[in-house]
């Protein structure tokens, strides 16, 4: 993801207002498995740990819309 850390530091979940972070490789694999066969690409994502939501990043732009997010348990 090419978002500068200064930009990532101010991004928040639109639902919970908690901070977002870059998804780990393992989390991305989980998202890709969940959405295999759909038109949604989860090559990059932002995760809100407190809200349990994941937001896709498409073409370098975070899609911070509730409709685009999915419920996501970031705990193994």
PDB file of N, CA and C in Angstrom:
ATOM      1  N   UNK A   1       0.860  -1.167   0.000  1.00  0.00           N
ATOM      2  CA  UNK A   1       0.000   0.000   0.000  1.00  0.00           C
ATOM      3  C   UNK A   1       0.904   1.226   0.000  1.00  0.00           C
ATOM      4  N   UNK A   2       0.574   2.159  -0.813  1.00  0.00           N
ATOM      5  CA  UNK A   2       1.414   3.336  -0.964  1.00  0.00           C
ATOM      6  C   UNK A   2       0.945   4.536  -0.153  1.00  0.00           C
ATOM      7  N   UNK A   3       0.085   4.304   0.819  1.00  0.00           N
ATOM      8  CA  UNK A   3      -0.356   5.419   1.660  1.00  0.00           C
ATOM      9  C   UNK A   3       0.781   5.840   2.583  1.00  0.00           C
ATOM     10  N   UNK A   4       1.097   7.113   2.602  1.00  0.00           N
ATOM     11  CA  UNK A   4       2.121   7.577   3.544  1.00  0.00           C
ATOM     12  C   UNK A   4       1.651   7.343   4.985  1.00  0.00           C
ATOM     13  N   UNK A   5       2.592   7.063   5.849  1.00  0.00           N
ATOM     14  CA  UNK A   5       2.259   6.828   7.258  1.00  0.00           C
ATOM     15  C   UNK A   5       1.525   8.022   7.869  1.00  0.00           C
ATOM     16  N   UNK A   6       1.842   9.225   7.412  1.00  0.00           N
ATOM     17  CA  UNK A   6       1.168  10.414   7.946  1.00  0.00           C
ATOM     18  C   UNK A   6      -0.321  10.415   7.592  1.00  0.00           C
ATOM     19  N   UNK A   7      -0.672   9.877   6.439  1.00  0.00           N
ATOM     20  CA  UNK A   7      -2.077   9.780   6.039  1.00  0.00           C
ATOM     21  C   UNK A   7      -2.747   8.643   6.802  1.00  0.00           C
ATOM     22  N   UNK A   8      -2.085   7.497   6.862  1.00  0.00           N
ATOM     23  CA  UNK A   8      -2.635   6.355   7.585  1.00  0.00           C
ATOM     24  C   UNK A   8      -2.897   6.695   9.047  1.00  0.00           C
ATOM     25  N   UNK A   9      -2.059   7.533   9.624  1.00  0.00           N
ATOM     26  CA  UNK A   9      -2.193   7.906  11.036  1.00  0.00           C
ATOM     27  C   UNK A   9      -3.476   8.679  11.334  1.00  0.00           C
ATOM     28  N   UNK A  10      -4.080   9.306  10.335  1.00  0.00           N
ATOM     29  CA  UNK A  10      -5.295  10.091  10.574  1.00  0.00           C
ATOM     30  C   UNK A  10      -6.566   9.408  10.068  1.00  0.00           C
ATOM     31  N   UNK A  11      -6.430   8.269   9.405  1.00  0.00           N
ATOM     32  CA  UNK A  11      -7.613   7.558   8.914  1.00  0.00           C
ATOM     33  C   UNK A  11      -8.301   6.825  10.058  1.00  0.00           C
ATOM     34  N   UNK A  12      -9.617   6.942  10.099  1.00  0.00           N
ATOM     35  CA  UNK A  12     -10.394   6.268  11.136  1.00  0.00           C
ATOM     36  C   UNK A  12     -11.549   5.505  10.496  1.00  0.00           C
ATOM     37  N   UNK A  13     -12.039   4.536  11.233  1.00  0.00           N
ATOM     38  CA  UNK A  13     -13.195   3.773  10.783  1.00  0.00           C
ATOM     39  C   UNK A  13     -14.406   4.707  10.765  1.00  0.00           C
ATOM     40  N   UNK A  14     -15.136   4.780   9.661  1.00  0.00           N
ATOM     41  CA  UNK A  14     -16.284   5.682   9.608  1.00  0.00           C
ATOM     42  C   UNK A  14     -17.431   5.254  10.519  1.00  0.00           C
ATOM     43  N   UNK A  15     -17.427   3.995  10.962  1.00  0.00           N
ATOM     44  CA  UNK A  15     -18.499   3.520  11.832  1.00  0.00           C
ATOM     45  C   UNK A  15     -18.177   3.720  13.307  1.00  0.00           C
ATOM     46  N   UNK A  16     -16.942   3.389  13.696  1.00  0.00           N
ATOM     47  CA  UNK A  16     -16.593   3.407  15.123  1.00  0.00           C
ATOM     48  C   UNK A  16     -15.746   4.602  15.531  1.00  0.00           C
ATOM     49  N   UNK A  17     -15.107   5.223  14.569  1.00  0.00           N
ATOM     50  CA  UNK A  17     -14.184   6.338  14.808  1.00  0.00           C
ATOM     51  C   UNK A  17     -12.882   5.884  15.469  1.00  0.00           C
ATOM     52  N   UNK A  18     -12.599   4.573  15.438  1.00  0.00           N
ATOM     53  CA  UNK A  18     -11.330   4.061  15.931  1.00  0.00           C
ATOM     54  C   UNK A  18     -10.325   4.029  14.791  1.00  0.00           C
ATOM     55  N   UNK A  19      -9.024   4.002  15.112  1.00  0.00           N
ATOM     56  CA  UNK A  19      -7.991   4.018  14.067  1.00  0.00           C
ATOM     57  C   UNK A  19      -8.040   2.782  13.176  1.00  0.00           C
ATOM     58  N   UNK A  20      -7.541   2.970  11.979  1.00  0.00           N
ATOM     59  CA  UNK A  20      -7.381   1.888  11.022  1.00  0.00           C
ATOM     60  C   UNK A  20      -5.905   1.551  10.904  1.00  0.00           C
ATOM     61  N   UNK A  21      -5.638   0.316  10.527  1.00  0.00           N
ATOM     62  CA  UNK A  21      -4.260  -0.115  10.285  1.00  0.00           C
ATOM     63  C   UNK A  21      -4.237  -0.968   9.033  1.00  0.00           C
ATOM     64  N   UNK A  22      -3.046  -1.154   8.484  1.00  0.00           N
ATOM     65  CA  UNK A  22      -2.892  -2.006   7.313  1.00  0.00           C
ATOM     66  C   UNK A  22      -3.141  -3.458   7.715  1.00  0.00           C
ATOM     67  N   UNK A  23      -3.830  -4.187   6.876  1.00  0.00           N
ATOM     68  CA  UNK A  23      -4.057  -5.607   7.115  1.00  0.00           C
ATOM     69  C   UNK A  23      -2.741  -6.373   6.958  1.00  0.00           C
ATOM     70  N   UNK A  24      -2.580  -7.393   7.779  1.00  0.00           N
ATOM     71  CA  UNK A  24      -1.395  -8.242   7.668  1.00  0.00           C
ATOM     72  C   UNK A  24      -1.555  -9.179   6.473  1.00  0.00           C
ATOM     73  N   UNK A  25      -0.489  -9.842   6.108  1.00  0.00           N
ATOM     74  CA  UNK A  25      -0.524 -10.796   5.001  1.00  0.00           C
ATOM     75  C   UNK A  25      -1.529 -11.907   5.304  1.00  0.00           C
ATOM     76  N   UNK A  26      -1.541 -12.394   6.536  1.00  0.00           N
ATOM     77  CA  UNK A  26      -2.473 -13.452   6.927  1.00  0.00           C
ATOM     78  C   UNK A  26      -3.921 -12.978   6.824  1.00  0.00           C
ATOM     79  N   UNK A  27      -4.177 -11.756   7.247  1.00  0.00           N
ATOM     80  CA  UNK A  27      -5.524 -11.204   7.163  1.00  0.00           C
ATOM     81  C   UNK A  27      -5.963 -11.056   5.712  1.00  0.00           C
ATOM     82  N   UNK A  28      -5.058 -10.624   4.852  1.00  0.00           N
ATOM     83  CA  UNK A  28      -5.383 -10.498   3.429  1.00  0.00           C
ATOM     84  C   UNK A  28      -5.703 -11.862   2.819  1.00  0.00           C
ATOM     85  N   UNK A  29      -4.943 -12.888   3.192  1.00  0.00           N
ATOM     86  CA  UNK A  29      -5.232 -14.239   2.700  1.00  0.00           C
ATOM     87  C   UNK A  29      -6.622 -14.678   3.136  1.00  0.00           C
ATOM     88  N   UNK A  30      -6.984 -14.379   4.371  1.00  0.00           N
ATOM     89  CA  UNK A  30      -8.309 -14.733   4.875  1.00  0.00           C
ATOM     90  C   UNK A  30      -9.400 -14.008   4.095  1.00  0.00           C
ATOM     91  N   UNK A  31      -9.209 -12.730   3.852  1.00  0.00           N
ATOM     92  CA  UNK A  31     -10.187 -11.951   3.085  1.00  0.00           C
ATOM     93  C   UNK A  31     -10.297 -12.469   1.655  1.00  0.00           C
ATOM     94  N   UNK A  32      -9.162 -12.821   1.054  1.00  0.00           N
ATOM     95  CA  UNK A  32      -9.181 -13.334  -0.308  1.00  0.00           C
ATOM     96  C   UNK A  32      -9.929 -14.658  -0.380  1.00  0.00           C
ATOM     97  N   UNK A  33      -9.742 -15.522   0.619  1.00  0.00           N
ATOM     98  CA  UNK A  33     -10.461 -16.799   0.643  1.00  0.00           C
ATOM     99  C   UNK A  33     -11.959 -16.574   0.781  1.00  0.00           C
ATOM    100  N   UNK A  34     -12.346 -15.633   1.657  1.00  0.00           N
ATOM    101  CA  UNK A  34     -13.763 -15.355   1.880  1.00  0.00           C
ATOM    102  C   UNK A  34     -14.444 -14.809   0.638  1.00  0.00           C
ATOM    103  N   UNK A  35     -13.688 -14.111  -0.200  1.00  0.00           N
ATOM    104  CA  UNK A  35     -14.274 -13.459  -1.363  1.00  0.00           C
ATOM    105  C   UNK A  35     -13.821 -14.085  -2.678  1.00  0.00           C
ATOM    106  N   UNK A  36     -13.320 -15.313  -2.599  1.00  0.00           N
ATOM    107  CA  UNK A  36     -12.904 -16.013  -3.825  1.00  0.00           C
ATOM    108  C   UNK A  36     -14.126 -16.192  -4.729  1.00  0.00           C
ATOM    109  N   UNK A  37     -13.932 -15.917  -5.983  1.00  0.00           N
ATOM    110  CA  UNK A  37     -15.023 -16.064  -6.939  1.00  0.00           C
ATOM    111  C   UNK A  37     -15.882 -14.827  -7.099  1.00  0.00           C
ATOM    112  N   UNK A  38     -15.694 -13.824  -6.247  1.00  0.00           N
ATOM    113  CA  UNK A  38     -16.473 -12.595  -6.404  1.00  0.00           C
ATOM    114  C   UNK A  38     -15.639 -11.571  -7.161  1.00  0.00           C
ATOM    115  N   UNK A  39     -16.267 -10.494  -7.536  1.00  0.00           N
ATOM    116  CA  UNK A  39     -15.555  -9.451  -8.277  1.00  0.00           C
ATOM    117  C   UNK A  39     -14.758  -8.535  -7.356  1.00  0.00           C
ATOM    118  N   UNK A  40     -14.939  -8.702  -6.035  1.00  0.00           N
ATOM    119  CA  UNK A  40     -14.208  -7.867  -5.083  1.00  0.00           C
ATOM    120  C   UNK A  40     -12.771  -8.357  -4.932  1.00  0.00           C
ATOM    121  N   UNK A  41     -11.826  -7.476  -5.181  1.00  0.00           N
ATOM    122  CA  UNK A  41     -10.419  -7.803  -4.995  1.00  0.00           C
ATOM    123  C   UNK A  41      -9.968  -7.297  -3.627  1.00  0.00           C
ATOM    124  N   UNK A  42      -9.356  -8.161  -2.865  1.00  0.00           N
ATOM    125  CA  UNK A  42      -8.847  -7.786  -1.534  1.00  0.00           C
ATOM    126  C   UNK A  42      -7.336  -7.934  -1.521  1.00  0.00           C
ATOM    127  N   UNK A  43      -6.668  -7.208  -2.425  1.00  0.00           N
ATOM    128  CA  UNK A  43      -5.213  -7.252  -2.479  1.00  0.00           C
ATOM    129  C   UNK A  43      -4.604  -6.392  -1.384  1.00  0.00           C
ATOM    130  N   UNK A  44      -5.355  -5.401  -0.949  1.00  0.00           N
ATOM    131  CA  UNK A  44      -4.943  -4.524   0.152  1.00  0.00           C
ATOM    132  C   UNK A  44      -6.190  -4.203   0.968  1.00  0.00           C
ATOM    133  N   UNK A  45      -5.987  -3.944   2.250  1.00  0.00           N
ATOM    134  CA  UNK A  45      -7.131  -3.615   3.099  1.00  0.00           C
ATOM    135  C   UNK A  45      -6.670  -2.851   4.327  1.00  0.00           C
ATOM    136  N   UNK A  46      -7.624  -2.141   4.911  1.00  0.00           N
ATOM    137  CA  UNK A  46      -7.427  -1.478   6.195  1.00  0.00           C
ATOM    138  C   UNK A  46      -8.371  -2.145   7.186  1.00  0.00           C
ATOM    139  N   UNK A  47      -7.897  -2.336   8.409  1.00  0.00           N
ATOM    140  CA  UNK A  47      -8.655  -3.058   9.425  1.00  0.00           C
ATOM    141  C   UNK A  47      -8.859  -2.178  10.644  1.00  0.00           C
ATOM    142  N   UNK A  48     -10.060  -2.250  11.207  1.00  0.00           N
ATOM    143  CA  UNK A  48     -10.363  -1.598  12.473  1.00  0.00           C
ATOM    144  C   UNK A  48     -10.511  -2.704  13.512  1.00  0.00           C
ATOM    145  N   UNK A  49      -9.551  -2.831  14.403  1.00  0.00           N
ATOM    146  CA  UNK A  49      -9.576  -3.892  15.402  1.00  0.00           C
ATOM    147  C   UNK A  49     -10.761  -3.760  16.351  1.00  0.00           C
ATOM    148  N   UNK A  50     -11.049  -2.558  16.823  1.00  0.00           N
ATOM    149  CA  UNK A  50     -12.130  -2.367  17.779  1.00  0.00           C
ATOM    150  C   UNK A  50     -13.503  -2.548  17.156  1.00  0.00           C
ATOM    151  N   UNK A  51     -13.629  -2.263  15.896  1.00  0.00           N
ATOM    152  CA  UNK A  51     -14.926  -2.368  15.249  1.00  0.00           C
ATOM    153  C   UNK A  51     -15.131  -3.676  14.503  1.00  0.00           C
ATOM    154  N   UNK A  52     -14.048  -4.436  14.329  1.00  0.00           N
ATOM    155  CA  UNK A  52     -14.168  -5.694  13.623  1.00  0.00           C
ATOM    156  C   UNK A  52     -14.569  -5.538  12.167  1.00  0.00           C
ATOM    157  N   UNK A  53     -14.078  -4.489  11.506  1.00  0.00           N
ATOM    158  CA  UNK A  53     -14.411  -4.246  10.105  1.00  0.00           C
ATOM    159  C   UNK A  53     -13.127  -4.200   9.283  1.00  0.00           C
ATOM    160  N   UNK A  54     -13.237  -4.607   8.032  1.00  0.00           N
ATOM    161  CA  UNK A  54     -12.138  -4.492   7.075  1.00  0.00           C
ATOM    162  C   UNK A  54     -12.651  -3.709   5.874  1.00  0.00           C
ATOM    163  N   UNK A  55     -11.830  -2.808   5.402  1.00  0.00           N
ATOM    164  CA  UNK A  55     -12.173  -1.945   4.263  1.00  0.00           C
ATOM    165  C   UNK A  55     -11.179  -2.206   3.139  1.00  0.00           C
ATOM    166  N   UNK A  56     -11.666  -2.386   1.919  1.00  0.00           N
ATOM    167  CA  UNK A  56     -10.749  -2.636   0.802  1.00  0.00           C
ATOM    168  C   UNK A  56      -9.995  -1.368   0.389  1.00  0.00           C
ATOM    169  N   UNK A  57      -8.843  -1.584  -0.197  1.00  0.00           N
ATOM    170  CA  UNK A  57      -8.079  -0.511  -0.830  1.00  0.00           C
ATOM    171  C   UNK A  57      -7.993  -0.895  -2.300  1.00  0.00           C
ATOM    172  N   UNK A  58      -8.567  -0.066  -3.154  1.00  0.00           N
ATOM    173  CA  UNK A  58      -8.592  -0.351  -4.591  1.00  0.00           C
ATOM    174  C   UNK A  58      -7.833   0.724  -5.350  1.00  0.00           C
ATOM    175  N   UNK A  59      -6.905   0.269  -6.146  1.00  0.00           N
ATOM    176  CA  UNK A  59      -6.060   1.180  -6.930  1.00  0.00           C
ATOM    177  C   UNK A  59      -5.390   2.218  -6.045  1.00  0.00           C
ATOM    178  N   UNK A  60      -5.024   1.818  -4.825  1.00  0.00           N
ATOM    179  CA  UNK A  60      -4.331   2.708  -3.909  1.00  0.00           C
ATOM    180  C   UNK A  60      -5.224   3.623  -3.095  1.00  0.00           C
ATOM    181  N   UNK A  61      -6.543   3.519  -3.283  1.00  0.00           N
ATOM    182  CA  UNK A  61      -7.480   4.379  -2.563  1.00  0.00           C
ATOM    183  C   UNK A  61      -8.310   3.560  -1.577  1.00  0.00           C
ATOM    184  N   UNK A  62      -8.294   3.933  -0.300  1.00  0.00           N
ATOM    185  CA  UNK A  62      -9.137   3.231   0.669  1.00  0.00           C
ATOM    186  C   UNK A  62     -10.611   3.527   0.408  1.00  0.00           C
ATOM    187  N   UNK A  63     -11.422   2.480   0.411  1.00  0.00           N
ATOM    188  CA  UNK A  63     -12.859   2.624   0.222  1.00  0.00           C
ATOM    189  C   UNK A  63     -13.495   2.564   1.614  1.00  0.00           C
ATOM    190  N   UNK A  64     -13.661   3.718   2.215  1.00  0.00           N
ATOM    191  CA  UNK A  64     -14.135   3.799   3.597  1.00  0.00           C
ATOM    192  C   UNK A  64     -15.644   4.007   3.646  1.00  0.00           C
ATOM    193  N   UNK A  65     -16.357   3.083   3.045  1.00  0.00           N
ATOM    194  CA  UNK A  65     -17.813   3.101   3.032  1.00  0.00           C
ATOM    195  C   UNK A  65     -18.313   1.843   3.725  1.00  0.00           C
ATOM    196  N   UNK A  66     -19.354   1.990   4.533  1.00  0.00           N
ATOM    197  CA  UNK A  66     -19.917   0.842   5.236  1.00  0.00           C
ATOM    198  C   UNK A  66     -20.298  -0.263   4.256  1.00  0.00           C
ATOM    199  N   UNK A  67     -20.842   0.114   3.120  1.00  0.00           N
ATOM    200  CA  UNK A  67     -21.290  -0.844   2.120  1.00  0.00           C
ATOM    201  C   UNK A  67     -20.126  -1.665   1.541  1.00  0.00           C
ATOM    202  N   UNK A  68     -18.935  -1.102   1.546  1.00  0.00           N
ATOM    203  CA  UNK A  68     -17.778  -1.787   0.990  1.00  0.00           C
ATOM    204  C   UNK A  68     -17.041  -2.632   2.033  1.00  0.00           C
ATOM    205  N   UNK A  69     -17.341  -2.408   3.297  1.00  0.00           N
ATOM    206  CA  UNK A  69     -16.628  -3.107   4.366  1.00  0.00           C
ATOM    207  C   UNK A  69     -17.243  -4.476   4.632  1.00  0.00           C
ATOM    208  N   UNK A  70     -16.470  -5.286   5.333  1.00  0.00           N
ATOM    209  CA  UNK A  70     -16.974  -6.590   5.757  1.00  0.00           C
ATOM    210  C   UNK A  70     -16.633  -6.776   7.235  1.00  0.00           C
ATOM    211  N   UNK A  71     -17.486  -7.521   7.921  1.00  0.00           N
ATOM    212  CA  UNK A  71     -17.170  -7.897   9.292  1.00  0.00           C
ATOM    213  C   UNK A  71     -15.941  -8.781   9.271  1.00  0.00           C
ATOM    214  N   UNK A  72     -15.040  -8.545  10.200  1.00  0.00           N
ATOM    215  CA  UNK A  72     -13.769  -9.245  10.158  1.00  0.00           C
ATOM    216  C   UNK A  72     -13.203  -9.383  11.548  1.00  0.00           C
ATOM    217  N   UNK A  73     -12.903 -10.610  11.925  1.00  0.00           N
ATOM    218  CA  UNK A  73     -12.263 -10.873  13.213  1.00  0.00           C
ATOM    219  C   UNK A  73     -10.780 -10.953  12.973  1.00  0.00           C
ATOM    220  N   UNK A  74     -10.037  -9.960  13.421  1.00  0.00           N
ATOM    221  CA  UNK A  74      -8.598  -9.932  13.171  1.00  0.00           C
ATOM    222  C   UNK A  74      -7.836 -10.820  14.146  1.00  0.00           C
ATOM    223  N   UNK A  75      -8.541 -11.396  15.110  1.00  0.00           N
ATOM    224  CA  UNK A  75      -7.891 -12.307  16.034  1.00  0.00           C
ATOM    225  C   UNK A  75      -7.883 -13.708  15.430  1.00  0.00           C
ATOM    226  N   UNK A  76      -6.747 -14.448  15.551  1.00  0.00           N
ATOM    227  CA  UNK A  76      -6.686 -15.800  14.969  1.00  0.00           C
ATOM    228  C   UNK A  76      -7.649 -16.755  15.633  1.00  0.00           C
TER     229      UNK A  76
END
